[in-house]
C-alpha atoms as a PDB file:
ATOM      1  CA  UNK A   1       4.052  36.587  -3.302  1.00  0.00           C
ATOM      2  CA  UNK A   2       5.438  34.946  -6.414  1.00  0.00           C
ATOM      3  CA  UNK A   3       3.683  32.202  -8.351  1.00  0.00           C
ATOM      4  CA  UNK A   4       6.560  29.799  -7.653  1.00  0.00           C
ATOM      5  CA  UNK A   5       6.088  30.322  -3.900  1.00  0.00           C
ATOM      6  CA  UNK A   6       2.375  29.458  -4.191  1.00  0.00           C
ATOM      7  CA  UNK A   7       3.108  26.295  -6.206  1.00  0.00           C
ATOM      8  CA  UNK A   8       5.844  25.282  -3.760  1.00  0.00           C
ATOM      9  CA  UNK A   9       3.498  25.799  -0.811  1.00  0.00           C
ATOM     10  CA  UNK A  10       0.792  23.696  -2.512  1.00  0.00           C
ATOM     11  CA  UNK A  11       3.251  20.838  -3.099  1.00  0.00           C
ATOM     12  CA  UNK A  12       4.448  21.040   0.511  1.00  0.00           C
ATOM     13  CA  UNK A  13       0.870  20.947   1.816  1.00  0.00           C
ATOM     14  CA  UNK A  14       0.012  18.020  -0.474  1.00  0.00           C
ATOM     15  CA  UNK A  15       3.080  16.101   0.697  1.00  0.00           C
ATOM     16  CA  UNK A  16       2.194  16.789   4.334  1.00  0.00           C
ATOM     17  CA  UNK A  17      -1.400  15.658   3.803  1.00  0.00           C
ATOM     18  CA  UNK A  18      -0.234  12.481   2.063  1.00  0.00           C
ATOM     19  CA  UNK A  19       2.234  11.719   4.854  1.00  0.00           C
ATOM     20  CA  UNK A  20      -0.431  12.252   7.520  1.00  0.00           C
ATOM     21  CA  UNK A  21      -2.950  10.093   5.660  1.00  0.00           C
ATOM     22  CA  UNK A  22      -0.477   7.244   5.093  1.00  0.00           C
ATOM     23  CA  UNK A  23       0.599   7.387   8.743  1.00  0.00           C
ATOM     24  CA  UNK A  24      -3.035   7.149   9.861  1.00  0.00           C
ATOM     25  CA  UNK A  25      -3.728   4.182   7.551  1.00  0.00           C
ATOM     26  CA  UNK A  26      -0.548   2.448   8.717  1.00  0.00           C
ATOM     27  CA  UNK A  27      -1.450   3.001  12.366  1.00  0.00           C
ATOM     28  CA  UNK A  28      -4.933   1.526  11.866  1.00  0.00           C
ATOM     29  CA  UNK A  29      -3.475  -1.519  10.110  1.00  0.00           C
ATOM     30  CA  UNK A  30      -0.897  -2.035  12.878  1.00  0.00           C
ATOM     31  CA  UNK A  31      -3.636  -1.788  15.511  1.00  0.00           C
ATOM     32  CA  UNK A  32      -5.616  -4.509  13.728  1.00  0.00           C
ATOM     33  CA  UNK A  33      -2.456  -6.570  13.195  1.00  0.00           C
ATOM     34  CA  UNK A  34      -2.925  -6.864   9.440  1.00  0.00           C
ATOM     35  CA  UNK A  35      -1.233  -5.626   6.304  1.00  0.00           C
ATOM     36  CA  UNK A  36      -2.806  -2.813   4.367  1.00  0.00           C
ATOM     37  CA  UNK A  37      -3.263  -2.221   0.664  1.00  0.00           C
ATOM     38  CA  UNK A  38      -5.108   0.696  -0.870  1.00  0.00           C
ATOM     39  CA  UNK A  39      -5.855   1.492  -4.485  1.00  0.00           C
ATOM     40  CA  UNK A  40      -4.578   4.695  -6.060  1.00  0.00           C
ATOM     41  CA  UNK A  41      -8.216   5.696  -6.713  1.00  0.00           C
ATOM     42  CA  UNK A  42      -9.138   5.219  -3.036  1.00  0.00           C
ATOM     43  CA  UNK A  43      -6.062   7.161  -1.943  1.00  0.00           C
ATOM     44  CA  UNK A  44      -7.002   9.950  -4.344  1.00  0.00           C
ATOM     45  CA  UNK A  45     -10.528   9.979  -2.916  1.00  0.00           C
ATOM     46  CA  UNK A  46      -9.170  10.273   0.631  1.00  0.00           C
ATOM     47  CA  UNK A  47      -6.794  13.012  -0.472  1.00  0.00           C
ATOM     48  CA  UNK A  48      -9.699  14.932  -2.070  1.00  0.00           C
ATOM     49  CA  UNK A  49     -11.426  14.831   1.343  1.00  0.00           C
ATOM     50  CA  UNK A  50      -8.519  16.853   2.762  1.00  0.00           C
ATOM     51  CA  UNK A  51      -8.451  19.285  -0.160  1.00  0.00           C
ATOM     52  CA  UNK A  52      -5.868  17.759  -2.501  1.00  0.00           C
ATOM     53  CA  UNK A  53      -5.734  15.193  -5.263  1.00  0.00           C
ATOM     54  CA  UNK A  54      -2.901  12.858  -6.169  1.00  0.00           C
ATOM     55  CA  UNK A  55      -1.900  10.927  -9.259  1.00  0.00           C
ATOM     56  CA  UNK A  56       0.420   7.956  -9.623  1.00  0.00           C
ATOM     57  CA  UNK A  57       3.166  10.151 -11.087  1.00  0.00           C
ATOM     58  CA  UNK A  58       2.951  12.559  -8.130  1.00  0.00           C
ATOM     59  CA  UNK A  59       3.046   9.641  -5.699  1.00  0.00           C
ATOM     60  CA  UNK A  60       6.063   8.211  -7.525  1.00  0.00           C
ATOM     61  CA  UNK A  61       7.847  11.558  -7.267  1.00  0.00           C
ATOM     62  CA  UNK A  62       7.063  11.845  -3.543  1.00  0.00           C
ATOM     63  CA  UNK A  63       8.291   8.301  -2.848  1.00  0.00           C
ATOM     64  CA  UNK A  64      11.536   8.878  -4.732  1.00  0.00           C
ATOM     65  CA  UNK A  65      12.229  12.312  -3.216  1.00  0.00           C
ATOM     66  CA  UNK A  66      10.922  12.022   0.345  1.00  0.00           C
ATOM     67  CA  UNK A  67      12.397   9.476   2.740  1.00  0.00           C
ATOM     68  CA  UNK A  68       9.462   9.652   5.160  1.00  0.00           C
ATOM     69  CA  UNK A  69       6.889   8.759   2.510  1.00  0.00           C
ATOM     70  CA  UNK A  70       9.229   6.097   1.129  1.00  0.00           C
ATOM     71  CA  UNK A  71       9.410   4.511   4.606  1.00  0.00           C
ATOM     72  CA  UNK A  72       5.602   4.454   4.883  1.00  0.00           C
ATOM     73  CA  UNK A  73       5.139   2.571   1.587  1.00  0.00           C
ATOM     74  CA  UNK A  74       6.422  -0.987   1.186  1.00  0.00           C
ATOM     75  CA  UNK A  75       5.485  -1.352  -2.481  1.00  0.00           C
ATOM     76  CA  UNK A  76       3.398   0.466  -5.063  1.00  0.00           C
ATOM     77  CA  UNK A  77       2.376   0.294  -8.686  1.00  0.00           C
ATOM     78  CA  UNK A  78      -0.100   2.159 -10.870  1.00  0.00           C
ATOM     79  CA  UNK A  79      -3.059   0.432  -9.218  1.00  0.00           C
ATOM     80  CA  UNK A  80      -2.242  -0.461  -5.580  1.00  0.00           C
ATOM     81  CA  UNK A  81      -0.123   0.806  -2.693  1.00  0.00           C
ATOM     82  CA  UNK A  82       1.063  -1.595   0.013  1.00  0.00           C
ATOM     83  CA  UNK A  83       1.761   0.187   3.272  1.00  0.00           C
ATOM     84  CA  UNK A  84       4.820  -0.703   5.310  1.00  0.00           C
ATOM     85  CA  UNK A  85       3.030  -2.122   8.365  1.00  0.00           C
ATOM     86  CA  UNK A  86       4.309  -4.440  11.076  1.00  0.00           C
ATOM     87  CA  UNK A  87       2.687  -7.280   9.134  1.00  0.00           C
ATOM     88  CA  UNK A  88       4.567  -6.511   5.895  1.00  0.00           C
ATOM     89  CA  UNK A  89       7.994  -6.000   7.495  1.00  0.00           C
ATOM     90  CA  UNK A  90      10.195  -9.062   7.118  1.00  0.00           C
ATOM     91  CA  UNK A  91      10.847 -10.617  10.503  1.00  0.00           C
ATOM     92  CA  UNK A  92      14.309 -11.754  11.514  1.00  0.00           C
ATOM     93  CA  UNK A  93      14.589 -15.484  10.856  1.00  0.00           C
ATOM     94  CA  UNK A  94      16.976 -15.950  13.798  1.00  0.00           C
ATOM     95  CA  UNK A  95      14.582 -14.436  16.323  1.00  0.00           C
ATOM     96  CA  UNK A  96      13.325 -16.933  18.872  1.00  0.00           C
ATOM     97  CA  UNK A  97       9.614 -16.776  19.484  1.00  0.00           C
ATOM     98  CA  UNK A  98       8.560 -16.403  23.085  1.00  0.00           C
ATOM     99  CA  UNK A  99       7.677 -19.769  24.563  1.00  0.00           C
ATOM    100  CA  UNK A 100       8.994 -21.700  21.584  1.00  0.00           C
ATOM    101  CA  UNK A 101      11.762 -23.487  23.504  1.00  0.00           C
ATOM    102  CA  UNK A 102       9.421 -24.545  26.316  1.00  0.00           C
ATOM    103  CA  UNK A 103       6.923 -25.910  23.815  1.00  0.00           C
ATOM    104  CA  UNK A 104       9.560 -28.103  22.181  1.00  0.00           C
ATOM    105  CA  UNK A 105      10.669 -29.452  25.583  1.00  0.00           C
ATOM    106  CA  UNK A 106       7.090 -30.325  26.512  1.00  0.00           C
ATOM    107  CA  UNK A 107       6.520 -32.056  23.185  1.00  0.00           C
ATOM    108  CA  UNK A 108       9.714 -34.106  23.617  1.00  0.00           C
ATOM    109  CA  UNK A 109       8.678 -35.172  27.131  1.00  0.00           C
ATOM    110  CA  UNK A 110       5.232 -36.275  25.890  1.00  0.00           C
ATOM    111  CA  UNK A 111       6.806 -38.262  23.053  1.00  0.00           C
ATOM    112  CA  UNK A 112       9.168 -39.955  25.507  1.00  0.00           C
ATOM    113  CA  UNK A 113       6.285 -40.893  27.845  1.00  0.00           C
ATOM    114  CA  UNK A 114       4.349 -42.437  24.963  1.00  0.00           C
ATOM    115  CA  UNK A 115       7.257 -44.736  24.093  1.00  0.00           C
ATOM    116  CA  UNK A 116       7.429 -46.151  27.631  1.00  0.00           C
END
């Protein structure tokens, strides 16, 4: 086995561990119905628990070169990562909320009754 194959395997394992960890964090945030931010230090600590470490420059490289990891992260800087959860995804402004039309009708009827 060549040294380049070992290094390549380590990078692949690190990327897989990062993807799994980000997916788990995103899933927990979606379950709670909240957005999720994590510091680079906390992410590195979690990565060390699975046998790898990560720096901002490695994270930046993964985000730029891997579409899956890029889709899991909404925004990041040298201190904090914001995960792309249901809460952080921009909602369509034209979408009608369920029950919204009925609520407006009821409010209009009440206003009309008050005038009489």
